[in-house]
C-alpha atoms as a PDB file:
ATOM      1  CA  MET A   1     -31.374  32.083 -30.265  1.00  0.00           C
ATOM      2  CA  TYR A   2     -29.539  34.768 -28.309  1.00  0.00           C
ATOM      3  CA  ASN A   3     -28.862  38.461 -28.887  1.00  0.00           C
ATOM      4  CA  LEU A   4     -25.292  39.704 -28.589  1.00  0.00           C
ATOM      5  CA  GLU A   5     -24.243  43.001 -27.124  1.00  0.00           C
ATOM      6  CA  ILE A   6     -20.650  43.673 -28.109  1.00  0.00           C
ATOM      7  CA  HIS A   7     -18.933  46.170 -25.832  1.00  0.00           C
ATOM      8  CA  LYS A   8     -16.328  48.777 -26.731  1.00  0.00           C
ATOM      9  CA  LYS A   9     -13.143  46.773 -26.084  1.00  0.00           C
ATOM     10  CA  ALA A  10     -14.396  43.823 -28.134  1.00  0.00           C
ATOM     11  CA  LYS A  11     -15.437  46.143 -30.994  1.00  0.00           C
ATOM     12  CA  GLU A  12     -11.964  47.683 -31.033  1.00  0.00           C
ATOM     13  CA  THR A  13     -10.403  44.243 -31.463  1.00  0.00           C
ATOM     14  CA  LEU A  14     -12.823  43.342 -34.256  1.00  0.00           C
ATOM     15  CA  ASP A  15     -12.024  46.620 -36.038  1.00  0.00           C
ATOM     16  CA  TYR A  16      -8.295  45.912 -35.690  1.00  0.00           C
ATOM     17  CA  LEU A  17      -8.667  42.376 -37.068  1.00  0.00           C
ATOM     18  CA  LYS A  18     -10.776  43.678 -39.947  1.00  0.00           C
ATOM     19  CA  LYS A  19      -7.710  45.614 -41.115  1.00  0.00           C
ATOM     20  CA  LYS A  20      -4.959  43.154 -40.137  1.00  0.00           C
ATOM     21  CA  ASN A  21      -6.141  39.539 -40.305  1.00  0.00           C
ATOM     22  CA  LYS A  22      -9.396  38.603 -41.988  1.00  0.00           C
ATOM     23  CA  ASP A  23      -8.920  34.844 -41.421  1.00  0.00           C
ATOM     24  CA  ILE A  24      -8.902  35.271 -37.654  1.00  0.00           C
ATOM     25  CA  LEU A  25     -11.753  37.787 -37.907  1.00  0.00           C
ATOM     26  CA  LEU A  26     -13.871  35.234 -39.798  1.00  0.00           C
ATOM     27  CA  SER A  27     -13.052  32.571 -37.228  1.00  0.00           C
ATOM     28  CA  ILE A  28     -14.130  34.878 -34.386  1.00  0.00           C
ATOM     29  CA  ILE A  29     -17.308  35.822 -36.247  1.00  0.00           C
ATOM     30  CA  ASN A  30     -18.078  32.115 -36.703  1.00  0.00           C
ATOM     31  CA  SER A  31     -17.532  31.588 -32.968  1.00  0.00           C
ATOM     32  CA  LEU A  32     -19.873  34.485 -32.162  1.00  0.00           C
ATOM     33  CA  ASP A  33     -22.463  33.045 -34.536  1.00  0.00           C
ATOM     34  CA  GLU A  34     -22.134  29.670 -32.819  1.00  0.00           C
ATOM     35  CA  ILE A  35     -22.610  31.351 -29.425  1.00  0.00           C
ATOM     36  CA  ILE A  36     -25.767  33.110 -30.668  1.00  0.00           C
ATOM     37  CA  LYS A  37     -27.288  29.862 -31.917  1.00  0.00           C
ATOM     38  CA  LYS A  38     -26.422  27.402 -29.172  1.00  0.00           C
ATOM     39  CA  TRP A  39     -24.838  29.006 -26.118  1.00  0.00           C
ATOM     40  CA  PHE A  40     -24.193  26.007 -23.852  1.00  0.00           C
ATOM     41  CA  GLU A  41     -23.453  23.499 -26.602  1.00  0.00           C
ATOM     42  CA  VAL A  42     -20.489  25.478 -27.951  1.00  0.00           C
ATOM     43  CA  SER A  43     -17.113  23.788 -27.661  1.00  0.00           C
ATOM     44  CA  ASN A  44     -14.253  25.443 -25.746  1.00  0.00           C
ATOM     45  CA  VAL A  45     -16.539  27.531 -23.551  1.00  0.00           C
ATOM     46  CA  LYS A  46     -15.271  27.528 -19.985  1.00  0.00           C
ATOM     47  CA  ASN A  47     -16.713  29.121 -16.916  1.00  0.00           C
ATOM     48  CA  ILE A  48     -13.855  31.208 -15.506  1.00  0.00           C
ATOM     49  CA  TRP A  49     -15.783  32.835 -12.672  1.00  0.00           C
ATOM     50  CA  ASP A  50     -19.373  32.504 -11.519  1.00  0.00           C
ATOM     51  CA  TRP A  51     -21.217  33.898 -14.596  1.00  0.00           C
ATOM     52  CA  ILE A  52     -18.221  34.973 -16.719  1.00  0.00           C
ATOM     53  CA  PHE A  53     -17.335  32.621 -19.551  1.00  0.00           C
ATOM     54  CA  ARG A  54     -14.431  32.304 -21.945  1.00  0.00           C
ATOM     55  CA  LYS A  55     -14.357  30.916 -25.485  1.00  0.00           C
ATOM     56  CA  ARG A  56     -11.081  30.161 -27.189  1.00  0.00           C
ATOM     57  CA  THR A  57     -10.767  30.937 -30.901  1.00  0.00           C
ATOM     58  CA  TRP A  58      -7.327  30.615 -32.457  1.00  0.00           C
ATOM     59  CA  ARG A  59      -5.045  32.464 -30.043  1.00  0.00           C
ATOM     60  CA  TYR A  60      -7.834  34.825 -29.009  1.00  0.00           C
ATOM     61  CA  ARG A  61     -10.152  34.733 -26.022  1.00  0.00           C
ATOM     62  CA  ILE A  62     -13.747  35.910 -26.076  1.00  0.00           C
ATOM     63  CA  LEU A  63     -14.978  36.853 -22.586  1.00  0.00           C
ATOM     64  CA  MET A  64     -18.733  36.937 -22.182  1.00  0.00           C
ATOM     65  CA  THR A  65     -21.584  36.982 -19.693  1.00  0.00           C
ATOM     66  CA  LYS A  66     -25.206  36.000 -19.951  1.00  0.00           C
ATOM     67  CA  ASP A  67     -27.576  38.799 -18.961  1.00  0.00           C
ATOM     68  CA  LYS A  68     -29.408  38.049 -15.709  1.00  0.00           C
ATOM     69  CA  LYS A  69     -32.427  40.210 -16.563  1.00  0.00           C
ATOM     70  CA  GLU A  70     -32.769  39.523 -20.283  1.00  0.00           C
ATOM     71  CA  LEU A  71     -32.156  35.787 -20.476  1.00  0.00           C
ATOM     72  CA  ASN A  72     -31.685  35.763 -24.251  1.00  0.00           C
ATOM     73  CA  LYS A  73     -28.926  38.413 -24.208  1.00  0.00           C
ATOM     74  CA  ILE A  74     -25.197  37.685 -24.126  1.00  0.00           C
ATOM     75  CA  HIS A  75     -22.639  40.411 -23.466  1.00  0.00           C
ATOM     76  CA  ILE A  76     -19.308  40.131 -25.279  1.00  0.00           C
ATOM     77  CA  TRP A  77     -16.775  42.096 -23.267  1.00  0.00           C
ATOM     78  CA  ILE A  78     -13.300  41.311 -24.461  1.00  0.00           C
ATOM     79  CA  ILE A  79     -11.727  39.694 -27.468  1.00  0.00           C
ATOM     80  CA  GLU A  80      -8.025  39.545 -26.766  1.00  0.00           C
ATOM     81  CA  LEU A  81      -4.898  37.591 -27.590  1.00  0.00           C
ATOM     82  CA  GLU A  82      -4.320  34.561 -25.424  1.00  0.00           C
ATOM     83  CA  LYS A  83      -2.562  35.156 -22.145  1.00  0.00           C
ATOM     84  CA  ASP A  84      -4.432  32.902 -19.715  1.00  0.00           C
ATOM     85  CA  THR A  85      -2.894  34.372 -16.622  1.00  0.00           C
ATOM     86  CA  LYS A  86      -4.849  34.677 -13.400  1.00  0.00           C
ATOM     87  CA  LYS A  87      -3.784  38.310 -13.202  1.00  0.00           C
ATOM     88  CA  ASP A  88      -5.337  39.126 -16.608  1.00  0.00           C
ATOM     89  CA  TYR A  89      -8.556  37.287 -15.837  1.00  0.00           C
ATOM     90  CA  LYS A  90      -8.818  39.062 -12.482  1.00  0.00           C
ATOM     91  CA  LYS A  91      -8.365  42.428 -14.236  1.00  0.00           C
ATOM     92  CA  TRP A  92     -11.076  41.651 -16.802  1.00  0.00           C
ATOM     93  CA  LYS A  93     -13.398  40.216 -14.143  1.00  0.00           C
ATOM     94  CA  ILE A  94     -13.228  43.538 -12.269  1.00  0.00           C
ATOM     95  CA  HIS A  95     -13.865  45.434 -15.538  1.00  0.00           C
ATOM     96  CA  ILE A  96     -16.884  43.265 -16.382  1.00  0.00           C
ATOM     97  CA  ILE A  97     -18.396  43.448 -12.886  1.00  0.00           C
ATOM     98  CA  LYS A  98     -18.009  47.237 -12.812  1.00  0.00           C
ATOM     99  CA  ASN A  99     -19.645  47.658 -16.209  1.00  0.00           C
ATOM    100  CA  LEU A 100     -22.413  45.142 -15.531  1.00  0.00           C
ATOM    101  CA  SER A 101     -23.427  47.040 -12.420  1.00  0.00           C
ATOM    102  CA  ILE A 102     -23.740  50.195 -14.566  1.00  0.00           C
ATOM    103  CA  ILE A 103     -25.857  48.359 -17.162  1.00  0.00           C
ATOM    104  CA  GLN A 104     -28.162  46.596 -14.711  1.00  0.00           C
ATOM    105  CA  ASN A 105     -28.920  49.643 -12.541  1.00  0.00           C
END
């Protein structure tokens, strides 16, 4: 069993979906629950760069990392509508790396 840390950008998306589309919100919550229970057995989880992973849920993407110090902690960084462009992933990779260095120092 893993602990989730949901960061600001992901929380904003969840708050938005809470008001606009509860079906998608429930689907994302189910995906997060699945990630908590069985991280590497979850379907549609792809490694997009070294230790950054992506899970597809409906037309949304959940970007996450596994904590290197606390092995049972998973960081959820972004929950965003599907774009799948290298440019977007590069932007989010930079965001995640910058924020991880703040957390781990």
